[in-house]
Amino acid sequence: MVESGQNSNLCDLGVGKYRSQGSSVLIMAILGAAVVPLLQGLIPDLSGVHMSFIVPLFCYIYVLYYGFYGYKIKPKINE
């Protein structure tokens, strides 16, 4: 949990009054780290061990997306 301070700072950038929703997303990500292994453990019972590695593959694809595009703060549009 060395990174937890850095992750909470990323959630606070540019969210303004939606800070509580940003914090809830962080908590859901932490919960996801508890749920994903359960899903990966369930899949071998249904289809096989090799198919179970699709679950973390989707997680890594999302992390790559966030690393390249999702983290950028969108400019505010003045209306």
Protein backbone atom coordinates (compact mmCIF):
# COMPACT_ATOMS: atom_id res chain seq x y z
CA MET A 1 0.00 0.00 0.00
CA VAL A 2 2.89 2.35 -0.65
CA GLU A 3 1.04 3.96 -3.55
CA SER A 4 -2.22 4.67 -1.74
CA GLY A 5 -1.31 8.27 -0.99
CA GLN A 6 -0.46 8.93 -4.62
CA ASN A 7 -3.68 7.32 -5.85
CA SER A 8 -5.85 9.43 -3.57
CA ASN A 9 -4.12 12.56 -4.88
CA LEU A 10 -4.91 11.54 -8.46
CA CYS A 11 -8.56 11.13 -7.51
CA ASP A 12 -8.68 14.65 -6.07
CA LEU A 13 -7.28 16.47 -9.11
CA GLY A 14 -9.83 18.52 -10.96
CA VAL A 15 -12.96 16.99 -9.43
CA GLY A 16 -13.92 20.00 -7.32
CA LYS A 17 -17.30 19.49 -5.71
CA TYR A 18 -17.35 15.84 -6.89
CA ARG A 19 -14.54 14.89 -4.54
CA SER A 20 -16.70 12.39 -2.63
CA GLN A 21 -17.60 10.59 -5.86
CA GLY A 22 -13.92 10.49 -6.82
CA SER A 23 -13.09 8.97 -3.46
CA SER A 24 -15.81 6.37 -3.91
CA VAL A 25 -14.25 5.36 -7.22
CA LEU A 26 -10.96 4.80 -5.40
CA ILE A 27 -12.71 2.61 -2.83
CA MET A 28 -14.38 0.62 -5.62
CA ALA A 29 -10.95 0.05 -7.15
CA ILE A 30 -9.68 -1.31 -3.86
CA LEU A 31 -12.75 -3.56 -3.63
CA GLY A 32 -12.06 -4.69 -7.20
CA ALA A 33 -8.71 -5.99 -6.02
CA ALA A 34 -10.65 -8.25 -3.67
CA VAL A 35 -13.28 -9.35 -6.21
CA VAL A 36 -11.11 -9.99 -9.28
CA PRO A 37 -9.21 -12.92 -7.70
CA LEU A 38 -12.54 -14.51 -6.77
CA LEU A 39 -13.74 -14.22 -10.36
CA GLN A 40 -10.47 -15.60 -11.64
CA GLY A 41 -10.85 -18.53 -9.26
CA LEU A 42 -14.42 -19.20 -10.37
CA ILE A 43 -13.68 -19.37 -14.09
CA PRO A 44 -11.42 -22.48 -13.95
CA ASP A 45 -14.30 -24.38 -12.37
CA LEU A 46 -16.48 -23.49 -15.34
CA SER A 47 -14.19 -23.54 -18.35
CA GLY A 48 -10.52 -24.16 -17.56
CA VAL A 49 -7.43 -22.57 -16.07
CA HIS A 50 -6.25 -20.89 -19.26
CA MET A 51 -9.55 -19.04 -19.72
CA SER A 52 -9.29 -17.61 -16.20
CA PHE A 53 -6.45 -15.33 -17.28
CA ILE A 54 -8.88 -13.30 -19.37
CA VAL A 55 -10.06 -11.57 -16.18
CA PRO A 56 -6.72 -9.92 -15.33
CA LEU A 57 -6.18 -9.26 -19.04
CA PHE A 58 -9.23 -6.98 -19.04
CA CYS A 59 -7.93 -5.30 -15.89
CA TYR A 60 -4.52 -4.65 -17.44
CA ILE A 61 -6.12 -3.30 -20.62
CA TYR A 62 -8.10 -0.82 -18.55
CA VAL A 63 -5.00 0.21 -16.59
CA LEU A 64 -3.18 0.82 -19.89
CA TYR A 65 -6.08 2.92 -21.16
CA TYR A 66 -6.10 4.96 -17.96
CA GLY A 67 -2.33 5.39 -18.10
CA PHE A 68 -2.40 6.79 -21.63
CA TYR A 69 -5.73 8.62 -21.90
CA GLY A 70 -8.00 8.41 -18.88
CA TYR A 71 -5.92 10.36 -16.39
CA LYS A 72 -5.89 13.60 -18.38
CA ILE A 73 -7.87 16.43 -16.91
CA LYS A 74 -10.37 17.73 -19.42
CA PRO A 75 -10.36 21.51 -19.96
CA LYS A 76 -13.35 23.32 -18.51
CA ILE A 77 -15.82 24.71 -21.03
CA ASN A 78 -17.07 28.14 -20.03
CA GLU A 79 -20.72 28.50 -20.91
